[in-house]
Amino acid sequence: MKIHEYLELDAQAATISCSECGEVLCDADQNYKEHSSMRTGPVTDAGPLFQPPERVLGSDPGYEFREWFCPGCGVLFDHRFALEGDRIIHDIEIDVEALES
């Protein structure tokens, strides 16, 4: 079952995998991002229209640009801006008990 553009849920095995290459990332109750390859960089890595925070805000509050990739094939799963040191958001939570029903 597709749960994201590039993520599949195997309800019987209760796992999340990459829909491009089939790489199993984690159990369904885990945060797939914590089992993906993550790259962090400055805000300007998001593209040429993104200015350094200090230019816009007058100071650099410590923002970074995060990207999560499949460790098997490199397809991009997600990207976000975050403060350095912020936890990784668990944005897709699967009710594993409901899968067993």
PDB file of N, CA and C in Angstrom:
ATOM      1  N   MET A   1       0.844  -1.167   0.000  1.00  0.00           N
ATOM      2  CA  MET A   1       0.000   0.000   0.000  1.00  0.00           C
ATOM      3  C   MET A   1       0.898   1.242   0.000  1.00  0.00           C
ATOM      4  N   LYS A   2       0.644   2.137  -0.914  1.00  0.00           N
ATOM      5  CA  LYS A   2       1.432   3.373  -1.022  1.00  0.00           C
ATOM      6  C   LYS A   2       1.036   4.330   0.109  1.00  0.00           C
ATOM      7  N   ILE A   3       2.034   4.821   0.856  1.00  0.00           N
ATOM      8  CA  ILE A   3       1.775   5.763   1.944  1.00  0.00           C
ATOM      9  C   ILE A   3       2.417   7.126   1.685  1.00  0.00           C
ATOM     10  N   HIS A   4       3.144   7.219   0.597  1.00  0.00           N
ATOM     11  CA  HIS A   4       3.854   8.438   0.219  1.00  0.00           C
ATOM     12  C   HIS A   4       4.273   8.218  -1.229  1.00  0.00           C
ATOM     13  N   GLU A   5       4.660   9.259  -1.903  1.00  0.00           N
ATOM     14  CA  GLU A   5       5.035   9.102  -3.308  1.00  0.00           C
ATOM     15  C   GLU A   5       6.076   8.003  -3.517  1.00  0.00           C
ATOM     16  N   TYR A   6       7.042   7.871  -2.605  1.00  0.00           N
ATOM     17  CA  TYR A   6       8.115   6.887  -2.763  1.00  0.00           C
ATOM     18  C   TYR A   6       8.209   5.902  -1.604  1.00  0.00           C
ATOM     19  N   LEU A   7       7.143   5.751  -0.842  1.00  0.00           N
ATOM     20  CA  LEU A   7       7.149   4.813   0.286  1.00  0.00           C
ATOM     21  C   LEU A   7       5.978   3.850   0.191  1.00  0.00           C
ATOM     22  N   GLU A   8       6.260   2.593   0.495  1.00  0.00           N
ATOM     23  CA  GLU A   8       5.237   1.545   0.491  1.00  0.00           C
ATOM     24  C   GLU A   8       5.153   0.928   1.886  1.00  0.00           C
ATOM     25  N   LEU A   9       3.946   0.570   2.277  1.00  0.00           N
ATOM     26  CA  LEU A   9       3.710  -0.155   3.508  1.00  0.00           C
ATOM     27  C   LEU A   9       3.352  -1.586   3.154  1.00  0.00           C
ATOM     28  N   ASP A  10       4.100  -2.524   3.704  1.00  0.00           N
ATOM     29  CA  ASP A  10       3.744  -3.939   3.585  1.00  0.00           C
ATOM     30  C   ASP A  10       2.993  -4.271   4.866  1.00  0.00           C
ATOM     31  N   ALA A  11       1.667  -4.345   4.778  1.00  0.00           N
ATOM     32  CA  ALA A  11       0.833  -4.549   5.963  1.00  0.00           C
ATOM     33  C   ALA A  11       1.090  -5.910   6.609  1.00  0.00           C
ATOM     34  N   GLN A  12       1.354  -6.937   5.820  1.00  0.00           N
ATOM     35  CA  GLN A  12       1.583  -8.273   6.391  1.00  0.00           C
ATOM     36  C   GLN A  12       2.906  -8.340   7.142  1.00  0.00           C
ATOM     37  N   ALA A  13       3.947  -7.765   6.564  1.00  0.00           N
ATOM     38  CA  ALA A  13       5.259  -7.770   7.213  1.00  0.00           C
ATOM     39  C   ALA A  13       5.400  -6.610   8.200  1.00  0.00           C
ATOM     40  N   ALA A  14       4.477  -5.646   8.131  1.00  0.00           N
ATOM     41  CA  ALA A  14       4.506  -4.434   8.959  1.00  0.00           C
ATOM     42  C   ALA A  14       5.838  -3.697   8.796  1.00  0.00           C
ATOM     43  N   THR A  15       6.205  -3.450   7.519  1.00  0.00           N
ATOM     44  CA  THR A  15       7.440  -2.730   7.215  1.00  0.00           C
ATOM     45  C   THR A  15       7.174  -1.613   6.212  1.00  0.00           C
ATOM     46  N   ILE A  16       8.083  -0.644   6.189  1.00  0.00           N
ATOM     47  CA  ILE A  16       8.048   0.455   5.228  1.00  0.00           C
ATOM     48  C   ILE A  16       9.251   0.288   4.309  1.00  0.00           C
ATOM     49  N   SER A  17       9.011   0.407   3.006  1.00  0.00           N
ATOM     50  CA  SER A  17      10.095   0.255   2.036  1.00  0.00           C
ATOM     51  C   SER A  17      10.009   1.322   0.954  1.00  0.00           C
ATOM     52  N   CYS A  18      11.101   1.450   0.205  1.00  0.00           N
ATOM     53  CA  CYS A  18      11.168   2.381  -0.918  1.00  0.00           C
ATOM     54  C   CYS A  18      10.392   1.782  -2.085  1.00  0.00           C
ATOM     55  N   SER A  19       9.498   2.550  -2.672  1.00  0.00           N
ATOM     56  CA  SER A  19       8.709   2.041  -3.797  1.00  0.00           C
ATOM     57  C   SER A  19       9.502   2.029  -5.105  1.00  0.00           C
ATOM     58  N   GLU A  20      10.647   2.692  -5.134  1.00  0.00           N
ATOM     59  CA  GLU A  20      11.478   2.694  -6.338  1.00  0.00           C
ATOM     60  C   GLU A  20      12.348   1.443  -6.444  1.00  0.00           C
ATOM     61  N   CYS A  21      13.019   1.077  -5.338  1.00  0.00           N
ATOM     62  CA  CYS A  21      13.971  -0.037  -5.404  1.00  0.00           C
ATOM     63  C   CYS A  21      13.608  -1.205  -4.494  1.00  0.00           C
ATOM     64  N   GLY A  22      12.628  -1.032  -3.611  1.00  0.00           N
ATOM     65  CA  GLY A  22      12.214  -2.107  -2.720  1.00  0.00           C
ATOM     66  C   GLY A  22      13.000  -2.217  -1.434  1.00  0.00           C
ATOM     67  N   GLU A  23      13.961  -1.345  -1.210  1.00  0.00           N
ATOM     68  CA  GLU A  23      14.772  -1.358   0.016  1.00  0.00           C
ATOM     69  C   GLU A  23      13.848  -1.240   1.232  1.00  0.00           C
ATOM     70  N   VAL A  24      13.931  -2.215   2.154  1.00  0.00           N
ATOM     71  CA  VAL A  24      13.155  -2.147   3.386  1.00  0.00           C
ATOM     72  C   VAL A  24      13.873  -1.191   4.323  1.00  0.00           C
ATOM     73  N   LEU A  25      13.143  -0.165   4.766  1.00  0.00           N
ATOM     74  CA  LEU A  25      13.738   0.868   5.606  1.00  0.00           C
ATOM     75  C   LEU A  25      13.607   0.569   7.090  1.00  0.00           C
ATOM     76  N   CYS A  26      12.396   0.145   7.509  1.00  0.00           N
ATOM     77  CA  CYS A  26      12.164  -0.021   8.934  1.00  0.00           C
ATOM     78  C   CYS A  26      10.835  -0.723   9.179  1.00  0.00           C
ATOM     79  N   ASP A  27      10.587  -1.022  10.446  1.00  0.00           N
ATOM     80  CA  ASP A  27       9.281  -1.521  10.853  1.00  0.00           C
ATOM     81  C   ASP A  27       8.267  -0.399  10.696  1.00  0.00           C
ATOM     82  N   ALA A  28       7.012  -0.762  10.517  1.00  0.00           N
ATOM     83  CA  ALA A  28       5.955   0.214  10.243  1.00  0.00           C
ATOM     84  C   ALA A  28       5.726   1.200  11.383  1.00  0.00           C
ATOM     85  N   ASP A  29       6.082   0.828  12.611  1.00  0.00           N
ATOM     86  CA  ASP A  29       5.867   1.731  13.743  1.00  0.00           C
ATOM     87  C   ASP A  29       7.062   2.656  14.004  1.00  0.00           C
ATOM     88  N   GLN A  30       8.053   2.601  13.137  1.00  0.00           N
ATOM     89  CA  GLN A  30       9.235   3.447  13.293  1.00  0.00           C
ATOM     90  C   GLN A  30       9.188   4.634  12.332  1.00  0.00           C
ATOM     91  N   ASN A  31      10.048   5.616  12.583  1.00  0.00           N
ATOM     92  CA  ASN A  31      10.157   6.798  11.736  1.00  0.00           C
ATOM     93  C   ASN A  31      11.102   6.481  10.570  1.00  0.00           C
ATOM     94  N   TYR A  32      10.540   6.394   9.370  1.00  0.00           N
ATOM     95  CA  TYR A  32      11.355   6.035   8.199  1.00  0.00           C
ATOM     96  C   TYR A  32      12.532   6.987   7.998  1.00  0.00           C
ATOM     97  N   LYS A  33      12.380   8.245   8.412  1.00  0.00           N
ATOM     98  CA  LYS A  33      13.463   9.212   8.217  1.00  0.00           C
ATOM     99  C   LYS A  33      14.708   8.839   9.028  1.00  0.00           C
ATOM    100  N   GLU A  34      14.500   8.210  10.170  1.00  0.00           N
ATOM    101  CA  GLU A  34      15.629   7.812  11.003  1.00  0.00           C
ATOM    102  C   GLU A  34      16.374   6.618  10.420  1.00  0.00           C
ATOM    103  N   HIS A  35      15.819   6.001   9.374  1.00  0.00           N
ATOM    104  CA  HIS A  35      16.441   4.858   8.717  1.00  0.00           C
ATOM    105  C   HIS A  35      16.810   5.180   7.264  1.00  0.00           C
ATOM    106  N   SER A  36      16.662   6.430   6.906  1.00  0.00           N
ATOM    107  CA  SER A  36      17.018   6.912   5.570  1.00  0.00           C
ATOM    108  C   SER A  36      18.368   7.608   5.641  1.00  0.00           C
ATOM    109  N   SER A  37      18.942   7.868   4.488  1.00  0.00           N
ATOM    110  CA  SER A  37      20.157   8.687   4.439  1.00  0.00           C
ATOM    111  C   SER A  37      19.734  10.149   4.544  1.00  0.00           C
ATOM    112  N   MET A  38      20.385  10.897   5.420  1.00  0.00           N
ATOM    113  CA  MET A  38      20.025  12.305   5.611  1.00  0.00           C
ATOM    114  C   MET A  38      21.220  13.186   5.282  1.00  0.00           C
ATOM    115  N   ARG A  39      20.938  14.239   4.535  1.00  0.00           N
ATOM    116  CA  ARG A  39      21.964  15.233   4.220  1.00  0.00           C
ATOM    117  C   ARG A  39      21.488  16.558   4.800  1.00  0.00           C
ATOM    118  N   THR A  40      22.376  17.264   5.461  1.00  0.00           N
ATOM    119  CA  THR A  40      22.052  18.597   5.972  1.00  0.00           C
ATOM    120  C   THR A  40      22.990  19.609   5.336  1.00  0.00           C
ATOM    121  N   GLY A  41      22.492  20.815   5.181  1.00  0.00           N
ATOM    122  CA  GLY A  41      23.296  21.872   4.600  1.00  0.00           C
ATOM    123  C   GLY A  41      22.681  23.220   4.908  1.00  0.00           C
ATOM    124  N   PRO A  42      23.292  24.273   4.403  1.00  0.00           N
ATOM    125  CA  PRO A  42      22.748  25.611   4.638  1.00  0.00           C
ATOM    126  C   PRO A  42      21.422  25.799   3.889  1.00  0.00           C
ATOM    127  N   VAL A  43      20.645  26.766   4.321  1.00  0.00           N
ATOM    128  CA  VAL A  43      19.354  27.085   3.710  1.00  0.00           C
ATOM    129  C   VAL A  43      19.499  27.303   2.207  1.00  0.00           C
ATOM    130  N   THR A  44      20.599  27.855   1.780  1.00  0.00           N
ATOM    131  CA  THR A  44      20.814  28.150   0.367  1.00  0.00           C
ATOM    132  C   THR A  44      20.894  26.878  -0.490  1.00  0.00           C
ATOM    133  N   ASP A  45      21.081  25.702   0.142  1.00  0.00           N
ATOM    134  CA  ASP A  45      21.074  24.444  -0.611  1.00  0.00           C
ATOM    135  C   ASP A  45      19.699  24.144  -1.209  1.00  0.00           C
ATOM    136  N   ALA A  46      18.656  24.809  -0.709  1.00  0.00           N
ATOM    137  CA  ALA A  46      17.297  24.584  -1.210  1.00  0.00           C
ATOM    138  C   ALA A  46      17.103  25.151  -2.612  1.00  0.00           C
ATOM    139  N   GLY A  47      17.959  26.034  -3.032  1.00  0.00           N
ATOM    140  CA  GLY A  47      17.857  26.591  -4.372  1.00  0.00           C
ATOM    141  C   GLY A  47      18.318  28.026  -4.435  1.00  0.00           C
ATOM    142  N   PRO A  48      18.474  28.550  -5.642  1.00  0.00           N
ATOM    143  CA  PRO A  48      19.039  29.888  -5.825  1.00  0.00           C
ATOM    144  C   PRO A  48      18.159  31.023  -5.295  1.00  0.00           C
ATOM    145  N   LEU A  49      16.891  30.797  -5.077  1.00  0.00           N
ATOM    146  CA  LEU A  49      16.019  31.859  -4.573  1.00  0.00           C
ATOM    147  C   LEU A  49      16.063  31.990  -3.052  1.00  0.00           C
ATOM    148  N   PHE A  50      16.696  31.044  -2.376  1.00  0.00           N
ATOM    149  CA  PHE A  50      16.760  31.075  -0.918  1.00  0.00           C
ATOM    150  C   PHE A  50      17.985  31.849  -0.466  1.00  0.00           C
ATOM    151  N   GLN A  51      17.743  32.880   0.301  1.00  0.00           N
ATOM    152  CA  GLN A  51      18.801  33.754   0.797  1.00  0.00           C
ATOM    153  C   GLN A  51      19.320  33.239   2.137  1.00  0.00           C
ATOM    154  N   PRO A  52      20.566  33.525   2.473  1.00  0.00           N
ATOM    155  CA  PRO A  52      21.067  33.173   3.802  1.00  0.00           C
ATOM    156  C   PRO A  52      20.192  33.841   4.867  1.00  0.00           C
ATOM    157  N   PRO A  53      19.860  33.151   5.959  1.00  0.00           N
ATOM    158  CA  PRO A  53      18.978  33.719   6.982  1.00  0.00           C
ATOM    159  C   PRO A  53      19.443  35.063   7.526  1.00  0.00           C
ATOM    160  N   GLU A  54      20.756  35.224   7.652  1.00  0.00           N
ATOM    161  CA  GLU A  54      21.249  36.493   8.206  1.00  0.00           C
ATOM    162  C   GLU A  54      20.940  37.666   7.286  1.00  0.00           C
ATOM    163  N   ARG A  55      20.821  37.421   5.995  1.00  0.00           N
ATOM    164  CA  ARG A  55      20.489  38.483   5.056  1.00  0.00           C
ATOM    165  C   ARG A  55      19.016  38.902   5.209  1.00  0.00           C
ATOM    166  N   VAL A  56      18.156  37.938   5.499  1.00  0.00           N
ATOM    167  CA  VAL A  56      16.724  38.204   5.626  1.00  0.00           C
ATOM    168  C   VAL A  56      16.348  38.619   7.047  1.00  0.00           C
ATOM    169  N   LEU A  57      16.922  37.945   8.050  1.00  0.00           N
ATOM    170  CA  LEU A  57      16.530  38.155   9.448  1.00  0.00           C
ATOM    171  C   LEU A  57      17.468  39.074  10.226  1.00  0.00           C
ATOM    172  N   GLY A  58      18.602  39.374   9.662  1.00  0.00           N
ATOM    173  CA  GLY A  58      19.565  40.213  10.369  1.00  0.00           C
ATOM    174  C   GLY A  58      20.542  39.409  11.216  1.00  0.00           C
ATOM    175  N   SER A  59      20.240  38.133  11.425  1.00  0.00           N
ATOM    176  CA  SER A  59      21.148  37.233  12.142  1.00  0.00           C
ATOM    177  C   SER A  59      20.861  35.808  11.668  1.00  0.00           C
ATOM    178  N   ASP A  60      21.729  34.901  12.024  1.00  0.00           N
ATOM    179  CA  ASP A  60      21.537  33.507  11.640  1.00  0.00           C
ATOM    180  C   ASP A  60      21.055  32.729  12.856  1.00  0.00           C
ATOM    181  N   PRO A  61      19.769  32.359  12.892  1.00  0.00           N
ATOM    182  CA  PRO A  61      19.249  31.619  14.044  1.00  0.00           C
ATOM    183  C   PRO A  61      19.632  30.138  14.045  1.00  0.00           C
ATOM    184  N   GLY A  62      20.405  29.709  13.051  1.00  0.00           N
ATOM    185  CA  GLY A  62      20.855  28.328  13.011  1.00  0.00           C
ATOM    186  C   GLY A  62      19.959  27.402  12.210  1.00  0.00           C
ATOM    187  N   TYR A  63      19.335  27.921  11.150  1.00  0.00           N
ATOM    188  CA  TYR A  63      18.517  27.074  10.289  1.00  0.00           C
ATOM    189  C   TYR A  63      19.399  26.223   9.386  1.00  0.00           C
ATOM    190  N   GLU A  64      18.874  25.048   9.048  1.00  0.00           N
ATOM    191  CA  GLU A  64      19.540  24.190   8.085  1.00  0.00           C
ATOM    192  C   GLU A  64      18.493  23.588   7.159  1.00  0.00           C
ATOM    193  N   PHE A  65      18.960  23.088   6.029  1.00  0.00           N
ATOM    194  CA  PHE A  65      18.110  22.425   5.048  1.00  0.00           C
ATOM    195  C   PHE A  65      18.409  20.932   5.140  1.00  0.00           C
ATOM    196  N   ARG A  66      17.369  20.134   5.401  1.00  0.00           N
ATOM    197  CA  ARG A  66      17.536  18.691   5.561  1.00  0.00           C
ATOM    198  C   ARG A  66      16.871  17.955   4.402  1.00  0.00           C
ATOM    199  N   GLU A  67      17.542  16.907   3.937  1.00  0.00           N
ATOM    200  CA  GLU A  67      16.987  16.063   2.882  1.00  0.00           C
ATOM    201  C   GLU A  67      17.153  14.599   3.291  1.00  0.00           C
ATOM    202  N   TRP A  68      16.111  13.787   3.009  1.00  0.00           N
ATOM    203  CA  TRP A  68      16.144  12.365   3.321  1.00  0.00           C
ATOM    204  C   TRP A  68      16.037  11.569   2.033  1.00  0.00           C
ATOM    205  N   PHE A  69      16.942  10.596   1.880  1.00  0.00           N
ATOM    206  CA  PHE A  69      17.051   9.789   0.668  1.00  0.00           C
ATOM    207  C   PHE A  69      16.961   8.303   1.003  1.00  0.00           C
ATOM    208  N   CYS A  70      16.575   7.511   0.006  1.00  0.00           N
ATOM    209  CA  CYS A  70      16.631   6.060   0.141  1.00  0.00           C
ATOM    210  C   CYS A  70      18.099   5.653   0.187  1.00  0.00           C
ATOM    211  N   PRO A  71      18.502   4.849   1.173  1.00  0.00           N
ATOM    212  CA  PRO A  71      19.893   4.404   1.223  1.00  0.00           C
ATOM    213  C   PRO A  71      20.234   3.384   0.127  1.00  0.00           C
ATOM    214  N   GLY A  72      19.205   2.837  -0.531  1.00  0.00           N
ATOM    215  CA  GLY A  72      19.440   1.862  -1.587  1.00  0.00           C
ATOM    216  C   GLY A  72      19.620   2.485  -2.959  1.00  0.00           C
ATOM    217  N   CYS A  73      18.714   3.410  -3.325  1.00  0.00           N
ATOM    218  CA  CYS A  73      18.758   3.953  -4.690  1.00  0.00           C
ATOM    219  C   CYS A  73      18.948   5.469  -4.746  1.00  0.00           C
ATOM    220  N   GLY A  74      18.816   6.152  -3.614  1.00  0.00           N
ATOM    221  CA  GLY A  74      19.063   7.590  -3.582  1.00  0.00           C
ATOM    222  C   GLY A  74      17.870   8.466  -3.923  1.00  0.00           C
ATOM    223  N   VAL A  75      16.674   7.886  -4.115  1.00  0.00           N
ATOM    224  CA  VAL A  75      15.509   8.717  -4.414  1.00  0.00           C
ATOM    225  C   VAL A  75      15.219   9.623  -3.213  1.00  0.00           C
ATOM    226  N   LEU A  76      14.831  10.863  -3.501  1.00  0.00           N
ATOM    227  CA  LEU A  76      14.550  11.841  -2.449  1.00  0.00           C
ATOM    228  C   LEU A  76      13.167  11.594  -1.871  1.00  0.00           C
ATOM    229  N   PHE A  77      13.101  11.305  -0.559  1.00  0.00           N
ATOM    230  CA  PHE A  77      11.823  11.092   0.118  1.00  0.00           C
ATOM    231  C   PHE A  77      11.201  12.402   0.581  1.00  0.00           C
ATOM    232  N   ASP A  78      12.004  13.273   1.177  1.00  0.00           N
ATOM    233  CA  ASP A  78      11.448  14.479   1.800  1.00  0.00           C
ATOM    234  C   ASP A  78      12.562  15.503   2.015  1.00  0.00           C
ATOM    235  N   HIS A  79      12.153  16.737   2.245  1.00  0.00           N
ATOM    236  CA  HIS A  79      13.086  17.806   2.593  1.00  0.00           C
ATOM    237  C   HIS A  79      12.364  18.803   3.481  1.00  0.00           C
ATOM    238  N   ARG A  80      13.104  19.432   4.379  1.00  0.00           N
ATOM    239  CA  ARG A  80      12.536  20.378   5.346  1.00  0.00           C
ATOM    240  C   ARG A  80      13.600  21.381   5.774  1.00  0.00           C
ATOM    241  N   PHE A  81      13.124  22.522   6.242  1.00  0.00           N
ATOM    242  CA  PHE A  81      13.975  23.462   6.961  1.00  0.00           C
ATOM    243  C   PHE A  81      13.785  23.175   8.444  1.00  0.00           C
ATOM    244  N   ALA A  82      14.853  23.261   9.206  1.00  0.00           N
ATOM    245  CA  ALA A  82      14.777  23.017  10.639  1.00  0.00           C
ATOM    246  C   ALA A  82      15.884  23.799  11.333  1.00  0.00           C
ATOM    247  N   LEU A  83      15.719  23.980  12.620  1.00  0.00           N
ATOM    248  CA  LEU A  83      16.802  24.550  13.408  1.00  0.00           C
ATOM    249  C   LEU A  83      17.814  23.454  13.680  1.00  0.00           C
ATOM    250  N   GLU A  84      19.074  23.786  13.608  1.00  0.00           N
ATOM    251  CA  GLU A  84      20.124  22.816  13.913  1.00  0.00           C
ATOM    252  C   GLU A  84      19.838  22.212  15.279  1.00  0.00           C
ATOM    253  N   GLY A  85      19.926  20.905  15.367  1.00  0.00           N
ATOM    254  CA  GLY A  85      19.704  20.227  16.638  1.00  0.00           C
ATOM    255  C   GLY A  85      18.262  19.837  16.908  1.00  0.00           C
ATOM    256  N   ASP A  86      17.312  20.331  16.100  1.00  0.00           N
ATOM    257  CA  ASP A  86      15.913  19.927  16.284  1.00  0.00           C
ATOM    258  C   ASP A  86      15.765  18.450  15.982  1.00  0.00           C
ATOM    259  N   ARG A  87      14.813  17.820  16.666  1.00  0.00           N
ATOM    260  CA  ARG A  87      14.554  16.400  16.424  1.00  0.00           C
ATOM    261  C   ARG A  87      13.973  16.212  15.024  1.00  0.00           C
ATOM    262  N   ILE A  88      14.078  15.017  14.512  1.00  0.00           N
ATOM    263  CA  ILE A  88      13.493  14.677  13.213  1.00  0.00           C
ATOM    264  C   ILE A  88      12.014  14.401  13.423  1.00  0.00           C
ATOM    265  N   ILE A  89      11.172  15.105  12.706  1.00  0.00           N
ATOM    266  CA  ILE A  89       9.729  14.958  12.851  1.00  0.00           C
ATOM    267  C   ILE A  89       9.275  13.606  12.318  1.00  0.00           C
ATOM    268  N   HIS A  90       8.429  12.946  13.101  1.00  0.00           N
ATOM    269  CA  HIS A  90       7.828  11.664  12.706  1.00  0.00           C
ATOM    270  C   HIS A  90       6.491  11.993  12.050  1.00  0.00           C
ATOM    271  N   ASP A  91       6.506  12.204  10.742  1.00  0.00           N
ATOM    272  CA  ASP A  91       5.336  12.734  10.039  1.00  0.00           C
ATOM    273  C   ASP A  91       4.399  11.679   9.468  1.00  0.00           C
ATOM    274  N   ILE A  92       4.825  10.427   9.407  1.00  0.00           N
ATOM    275  CA  ILE A  92       3.944   9.348   8.954  1.00  0.00           C
ATOM    276  C   ILE A  92       3.937   8.283  10.044  1.00  0.00           C
ATOM    277  N   GLU A  93       2.860   8.246  10.823  1.00  0.00           N
ATOM    278  CA  GLU A  93       2.745   7.275  11.901  1.00  0.00           C
ATOM    279  C   GLU A  93       1.699   6.238  11.526  1.00  0.00           C
ATOM    280  N   ILE A  94       2.090   4.981  11.577  1.00  0.00           N
ATOM    281  CA  ILE A  94       1.231   3.865  11.201  1.00  0.00           C
ATOM    282  C   ILE A  94       0.679   3.207  12.459  1.00  0.00           C
ATOM    283  N   ASP A  95      -0.620   2.964  12.485  1.00  0.00           N
ATOM    284  CA  ASP A  95      -1.249   2.244  13.580  1.00  0.00           C
ATOM    285  C   ASP A  95      -1.064   0.754  13.312  1.00  0.00           C
ATOM    286  N   VAL A  96       0.007   0.188  13.862  1.00  0.00           N
ATOM    287  CA  VAL A  96       0.378  -1.204  13.600  1.00  0.00           C
ATOM    288  C   VAL A  96      -0.693  -2.157  14.127  1.00  0.00           C
ATOM    289  N   GLU A  97      -1.301  -1.831  15.245  1.00  0.00           N
ATOM    290  CA  GLU A  97      -2.348  -2.695  15.798  1.00  0.00           C
ATOM    291  C   GLU A  97      -3.523  -2.809  14.837  1.00  0.00           C
ATOM    292  N   ALA A  98      -3.845  -1.747  14.136  1.00  0.00           N
ATOM    293  CA  ALA A  98      -4.955  -1.774  13.164  1.00  0.00           C
ATOM    294  C   ALA A  98      -4.598  -2.657  11.975  1.00  0.00           C
ATOM    295  N   LEU A  99      -3.314  -2.799  11.660  1.00  0.00           N
ATOM    296  CA  LEU A  99      -2.898  -3.661  10.550  1.00  0.00           C
ATOM    297  C   LEU A  99      -3.160  -5.127  10.864  1.00  0.00           C
ATOM    298  N   GLU A 100      -3.069  -5.465  12.136  1.00  0.00           N
ATOM    299  CA  GLU A 100      -3.238  -6.858  12.557  1.00  0.00           C
ATOM    300  C   GLU A 100      -4.696  -7.298  12.523  1.00  0.00           C
ATOM    301  N   SER A 101      -5.624  -6.359  12.469  1.00  0.00           N
ATOM    302  CA  SER A 101      -7.059  -6.687  12.498  1.00  0.00           C
ATOM    303  C   SER A 101      -7.544  -7.234  11.175  1.00  0.00           C
TER     304      SER A 101
END
